[in-house]
Amino acid sequence: MQKITRKKIKKDVCEEKNRELTNALQRERADFENFRKRMENEKADIFKFVNENLILELLPVLDNFTRSLEHTKHLDGTPHQEGLKLIKKQLEEVLKNNGLTKIEVKKGDVFDPAICEAVSGTGDIIAEIVLVGYRLNDKIIRAVKVVLK
């Protein structure tokens, strides 16, 4: 009779140990799955913004194309200006394909400090847009520079 009791106790101890190890294994699997998902998200974020520095360096080039076209309006329809327009459009398309979008604001809009940076003025209405702003995959990489009235 004593042997049966010892076997039962030993069996209960083994079952309890088995439950503990099973629970520990399940927790480890869950922790690993959470870690894997976190790493995938971080990797996706890295790929999303890996080109940010390059794009920031290209934005002044885009700005200069825009300025150049504004200063050559008198040449409308000439091969020179058409060439500039095509190059600017191609550059904009490349940037767009890499997640860049223009922040849309216009004269008369209410100043929004989340997307705009005032370079002068004290009011809350946009009087002039000095420099276009951009988002890279929903992250503002350059605020719109504006004059307020």
C-alpha atoms as a PDB file:
ATOM      1  CA  MET A   1       0.000   0.000   0.000  1.00  0.00           C
ATOM      2  CA  GLN A   2       2.873   2.320   0.775  1.00  0.00           C
ATOM      3  CA  LYS A   3       4.306   1.760  -2.748  1.00  0.00           C
ATOM      4  CA  ILE A   4       1.069   2.889  -4.371  1.00  0.00           C
ATOM      5  CA  THR A   5       1.101   6.130  -2.385  1.00  0.00           C
ATOM      6  CA  ARG A   6       4.682   6.840  -3.343  1.00  0.00           C
ATOM      7  CA  LYS A   7       3.882   6.147  -7.013  1.00  0.00           C
ATOM      8  CA  LYS A   8       0.898   8.473  -6.832  1.00  0.00           C
ATOM      9  CA  ILE A   9       2.962  11.206  -5.172  1.00  0.00           C
ATOM     10  CA  LYS A  10       5.720  10.751  -7.715  1.00  0.00           C
ATOM     11  CA  LYS A  11       3.141  10.872 -10.536  1.00  0.00           C
ATOM     12  CA  ASP A  12       1.579  14.066  -9.104  1.00  0.00           C
ATOM     13  CA  VAL A  13       5.013  15.681  -8.816  1.00  0.00           C
ATOM     14  CA  CYS A  14       5.829  14.717 -12.412  1.00  0.00           C
ATOM     15  CA  GLU A  15       2.505  16.058 -13.681  1.00  0.00           C
ATOM     16  CA  GLU A  16       3.014  19.341 -11.815  1.00  0.00           C
ATOM     17  CA  LYS A  17       6.557  19.638 -13.187  1.00  0.00           C
ATOM     18  CA  ASN A  18       5.232  18.861 -16.681  1.00  0.00           C
ATOM     19  CA  ARG A  19       2.602  21.655 -16.342  1.00  0.00           C
ATOM     20  CA  GLU A  20       5.270  24.114 -15.153  1.00  0.00           C
ATOM     21  CA  LEU A  21       7.567  23.263 -18.048  1.00  0.00           C
ATOM     22  CA  THR A  22       4.713  23.422 -20.559  1.00  0.00           C
ATOM     23  CA  ASN A  23       3.666  26.854 -19.254  1.00  0.00           C
ATOM     24  CA  ALA A  24       7.274  28.061 -19.337  1.00  0.00           C
ATOM     25  CA  LEU A  25       7.638  26.830 -22.924  1.00  0.00           C
ATOM     26  CA  GLN A  26       4.414  28.581 -23.965  1.00  0.00           C
ATOM     27  CA  ARG A  27       5.595  31.835 -22.385  1.00  0.00           C
ATOM     28  CA  GLU A  28       8.953  31.539 -24.151  1.00  0.00           C
ATOM     29  CA  ARG A  29       7.218  30.910 -27.477  1.00  0.00           C
ATOM     30  CA  ALA A  30       4.961  33.934 -26.944  1.00  0.00           C
ATOM     31  CA  ASP A  31       7.931  36.091 -25.957  1.00  0.00           C
ATOM     32  CA  PHE A  32       9.831  34.950 -29.032  1.00  0.00           C
ATOM     33  CA  GLU A  33       6.843  35.631 -31.305  1.00  0.00           C
ATOM     34  CA  ASN A  34       6.486  39.134 -29.832  1.00  0.00           C
ATOM     35  CA  PHE A  35      10.222  39.706 -30.324  1.00  0.00           C
ATOM     36  CA  ARG A  36      10.005  38.490 -33.938  1.00  0.00           C
ATOM     37  CA  LYS A  37       7.071  40.824 -34.680  1.00  0.00           C
ATOM     38  CA  ARG A  38       8.856  43.756 -33.031  1.00  0.00           C
ATOM     39  CA  MET A  39      11.972  43.102 -35.128  1.00  0.00           C
ATOM     40  CA  GLU A  40       9.880  42.906 -38.319  1.00  0.00           C
ATOM     41  CA  ASN A  41       8.257  46.265 -37.479  1.00  0.00           C
ATOM     42  CA  GLU A  42      11.636  47.856 -36.750  1.00  0.00           C
ATOM     43  CA  LYS A  43      13.028  46.452 -39.982  1.00  0.00           C
ATOM     44  CA  ALA A  44      10.069  47.849 -41.930  1.00  0.00           C
ATOM     45  CA  ASP A  45      10.616  51.260 -40.307  1.00  0.00           C
ATOM     46  CA  ILE A  46      14.302  51.173 -41.202  1.00  0.00           C
ATOM     47  CA  PHE A  47      13.488  50.409 -44.831  1.00  0.00           C
ATOM     48  CA  LYS A  48      10.820  53.128 -44.824  1.00  0.00           C
ATOM     49  CA  PHE A  49      13.255  55.821 -43.769  1.00  0.00           C
ATOM     50  CA  VAL A  50      16.587  54.508 -45.064  1.00  0.00           C
ATOM     51  CA  ASN A  51      16.519  57.045 -47.897  1.00  0.00           C
ATOM     52  CA  GLU A  52      15.630  60.019 -45.692  1.00  0.00           C
ATOM     53  CA  ASN A  53      19.112  61.578 -45.743  1.00  0.00           C
ATOM     54  CA  LEU A  54      19.434  61.171 -49.505  1.00  0.00           C
ATOM     55  CA  ILE A  55      15.984  62.669 -50.063  1.00  0.00           C
ATOM     56  CA  LEU A  56      16.814  65.594 -47.791  1.00  0.00           C
ATOM     57  CA  GLU A  57      19.875  66.257 -49.927  1.00  0.00           C
ATOM     58  CA  LEU A  58      17.804  66.077 -53.130  1.00  0.00           C
ATOM     59  CA  LEU A  59      15.107  68.499 -51.963  1.00  0.00           C
ATOM     60  CA  PRO A  60      17.260  71.605 -52.623  1.00  0.00           C
ATOM     61  CA  VAL A  61      17.801  70.307 -56.174  1.00  0.00           C
ATOM     62  CA  LEU A  62      14.025  70.053 -56.599  1.00  0.00           C
ATOM     63  CA  ASP A  63      13.641  73.552 -55.133  1.00  0.00           C
ATOM     64  CA  ASN A  64      16.176  74.884 -57.629  1.00  0.00           C
ATOM     65  CA  PHE A  65      14.315  73.296 -60.543  1.00  0.00           C
ATOM     66  CA  THR A  66      11.140  75.006 -59.325  1.00  0.00           C
ATOM     67  CA  ARG A  67      12.905  78.367 -59.015  1.00  0.00           C
ATOM     68  CA  SER A  68      14.497  77.918 -62.423  1.00  0.00           C
ATOM     69  CA  LEU A  69      11.104  77.289 -64.026  1.00  0.00           C
ATOM     70  CA  GLU A  70       9.654  80.360 -62.304  1.00  0.00           C
ATOM     71  CA  HIS A  71      12.467  82.518 -63.667  1.00  0.00           C
ATOM     72  CA  THR A  72      12.104  81.144 -67.195  1.00  0.00           C
ATOM     73  CA  LYS A  73       8.353  81.670 -67.601  1.00  0.00           C
ATOM     74  CA  HIS A  74       9.142  83.990 -70.506  1.00  0.00           C
ATOM     75  CA  LEU A  75      10.567  80.944 -72.298  1.00  0.00           C
ATOM     76  CA  ASP A  76       7.275  78.972 -72.182  1.00  0.00           C
ATOM     77  CA  GLY A  77       7.156  76.285 -74.811  1.00  0.00           C
ATOM     78  CA  THR A  78      10.847  76.459 -75.682  1.00  0.00           C
ATOM     79  CA  PRO A  79      12.873  73.257 -75.705  1.00  0.00           C
ATOM     80  CA  HIS A  80      14.982  74.595 -72.837  1.00  0.00           C
ATOM     81  CA  GLN A  81      12.036  75.093 -70.525  1.00  0.00           C
ATOM     82  CA  GLU A  82      10.326  71.882 -71.617  1.00  0.00           C
ATOM     83  CA  GLY A  83      13.533  70.005 -70.799  1.00  0.00           C
ATOM     84  CA  LEU A  84      13.613  71.557 -67.327  1.00  0.00           C
ATOM     85  CA  LYS A  85       9.964  70.593 -66.774  1.00  0.00           C
ATOM     86  CA  LEU A  86      10.628  67.000 -67.789  1.00  0.00           C
ATOM     87  CA  ILE A  87      13.667  66.681 -65.526  1.00  0.00           C
ATOM     88  CA  LYS A  88      11.767  68.204 -62.595  1.00  0.00           C
ATOM     89  CA  LYS A  89       8.813  65.870 -63.216  1.00  0.00           C
ATOM     90  CA  GLN A  90      11.139  62.862 -63.359  1.00  0.00           C
ATOM     91  CA  LEU A  91      12.829  63.857 -60.095  1.00  0.00           C
ATOM     92  CA  GLU A  92       9.421  64.380 -58.426  1.00  0.00           C
ATOM     93  CA  GLU A  93       8.297  60.949 -59.626  1.00  0.00           C
ATOM     94  CA  VAL A  94      11.415  59.228 -58.263  1.00  0.00           C
ATOM     95  CA  LEU A  95      10.932  60.940 -54.894  1.00  0.00           C
ATOM     96  CA  LYS A  96       7.218  60.093 -54.859  1.00  0.00           C
ATOM     97  CA  ASN A  97       7.997  56.432 -55.585  1.00  0.00           C
ATOM     98  CA  ASN A  98      10.216  56.475 -52.498  1.00  0.00           C
ATOM     99  CA  GLY A  99       7.443  57.735 -50.202  1.00  0.00           C
ATOM    100  CA  LEU A 100       7.821  61.519 -50.480  1.00  0.00           C
ATOM    101  CA  THR A 101       4.669  63.644 -50.553  1.00  0.00           C
ATOM    102  CA  LYS A 102       4.250  67.394 -50.669  1.00  0.00           C
ATOM    103  CA  ILE A 103       2.519  69.051 -47.708  1.00  0.00           C
ATOM    104  CA  GLU A 104      -0.407  70.931 -49.192  1.00  0.00           C
ATOM    105  CA  VAL A 105      -0.975  74.429 -47.799  1.00  0.00           C
ATOM    106  CA  LYS A 106      -1.919  77.619 -49.589  1.00  0.00           C
ATOM    107  CA  LYS A 107      -2.104  81.344 -49.008  1.00  0.00           C
ATOM    108  CA  GLY A 108      -4.986  82.214 -46.733  1.00  0.00           C
ATOM    109  CA  ASP A 109      -4.865  78.949 -44.764  1.00  0.00           C
ATOM    110  CA  VAL A 110      -4.676  79.076 -40.983  1.00  0.00           C
ATOM    111  CA  PHE A 111      -1.150  78.556 -39.669  1.00  0.00           C
ATOM    112  CA  ASP A 112      -0.638  75.016 -38.343  1.00  0.00           C
ATOM    113  CA  PRO A 113       2.599  74.719 -36.340  1.00  0.00           C
ATOM    114  CA  ALA A 114       2.510  70.937 -36.745  1.00  0.00           C
ATOM    115  CA  ILE A 115       3.299  71.242 -40.455  1.00  0.00           C
ATOM    116  CA  CYS A 116       4.455  74.850 -40.904  1.00  0.00           C
ATOM    117  CA  GLU A 117       7.339  76.979 -39.696  1.00  0.00           C
ATOM    118  CA  ALA A 118       6.864  80.738 -39.621  1.00  0.00           C
ATOM    119  CA  VAL A 119       9.867  82.636 -40.962  1.00  0.00           C
ATOM    120  CA  SER A 120       8.292  86.056 -40.361  1.00  0.00           C
ATOM    121  CA  GLY A 121       5.031  87.701 -39.370  1.00  0.00           C
ATOM    122  CA  THR A 122       2.953  87.474 -36.235  1.00  0.00           C
ATOM    123  CA  GLY A 123      -0.575  86.586 -37.346  1.00  0.00           C
ATOM    124  CA  ASP A 124      -2.161  83.206 -37.815  1.00  0.00           C
ATOM    125  CA  ILE A 125      -2.968  83.384 -41.533  1.00  0.00           C
ATOM    126  CA  ILE A 126      -0.477  82.271 -44.187  1.00  0.00           C
ATOM    127  CA  ALA A 127       0.407  85.247 -46.398  1.00  0.00           C
ATOM    128  CA  GLU A 128       3.139  83.592 -48.448  1.00  0.00           C
ATOM    129  CA  ILE A 129       4.748  80.201 -48.877  1.00  0.00           C
ATOM    130  CA  VAL A 130       8.510  80.582 -48.857  1.00  0.00           C
ATOM    131  CA  LEU A 131       9.502  76.922 -49.109  1.00  0.00           C
ATOM    132  CA  VAL A 132       7.440  73.815 -49.785  1.00  0.00           C
ATOM    133  CA  GLY A 133       7.322  71.173 -47.041  1.00  0.00           C
ATOM    134  CA  TYR A 134       7.421  67.401 -47.437  1.00  0.00           C
ATOM    135  CA  ARG A 135       6.475  64.183 -45.663  1.00  0.00           C
ATOM    136  CA  LEU A 136       8.318  60.915 -46.014  1.00  0.00           C
ATOM    137  CA  ASN A 137       5.924  58.056 -45.273  1.00  0.00           C
ATOM    138  CA  ASP A 138       3.815  60.198 -42.905  1.00  0.00           C
ATOM    139  CA  LYS A 139       6.864  61.678 -41.164  1.00  0.00           C
ATOM    140  CA  ILE A 140       7.421  65.386 -41.722  1.00  0.00           C
ATOM    141  CA  ILE A 141      10.993  65.749 -42.939  1.00  0.00           C
ATOM    142  CA  ARG A 142      10.718  69.421 -43.884  1.00  0.00           C
ATOM    143  CA  ALA A 143       8.062  71.795 -42.598  1.00  0.00           C
ATOM    144  CA  VAL A 144       6.469  74.330 -44.919  1.00  0.00           C
ATOM    145  CA  LYS A 145       8.209  77.676 -44.433  1.00  0.00           C
ATOM    146  CA  VAL A 146       5.654  80.496 -44.438  1.00  0.00           C
ATOM    147  CA  VAL A 147       5.189  84.206 -43.876  1.00  0.00           C
ATOM    148  CA  LEU A 148       2.270  85.114 -41.615  1.00  0.00           C
ATOM    149  CA  LYS A 149      -0.055  88.093 -41.612  1.00  0.00           C
END
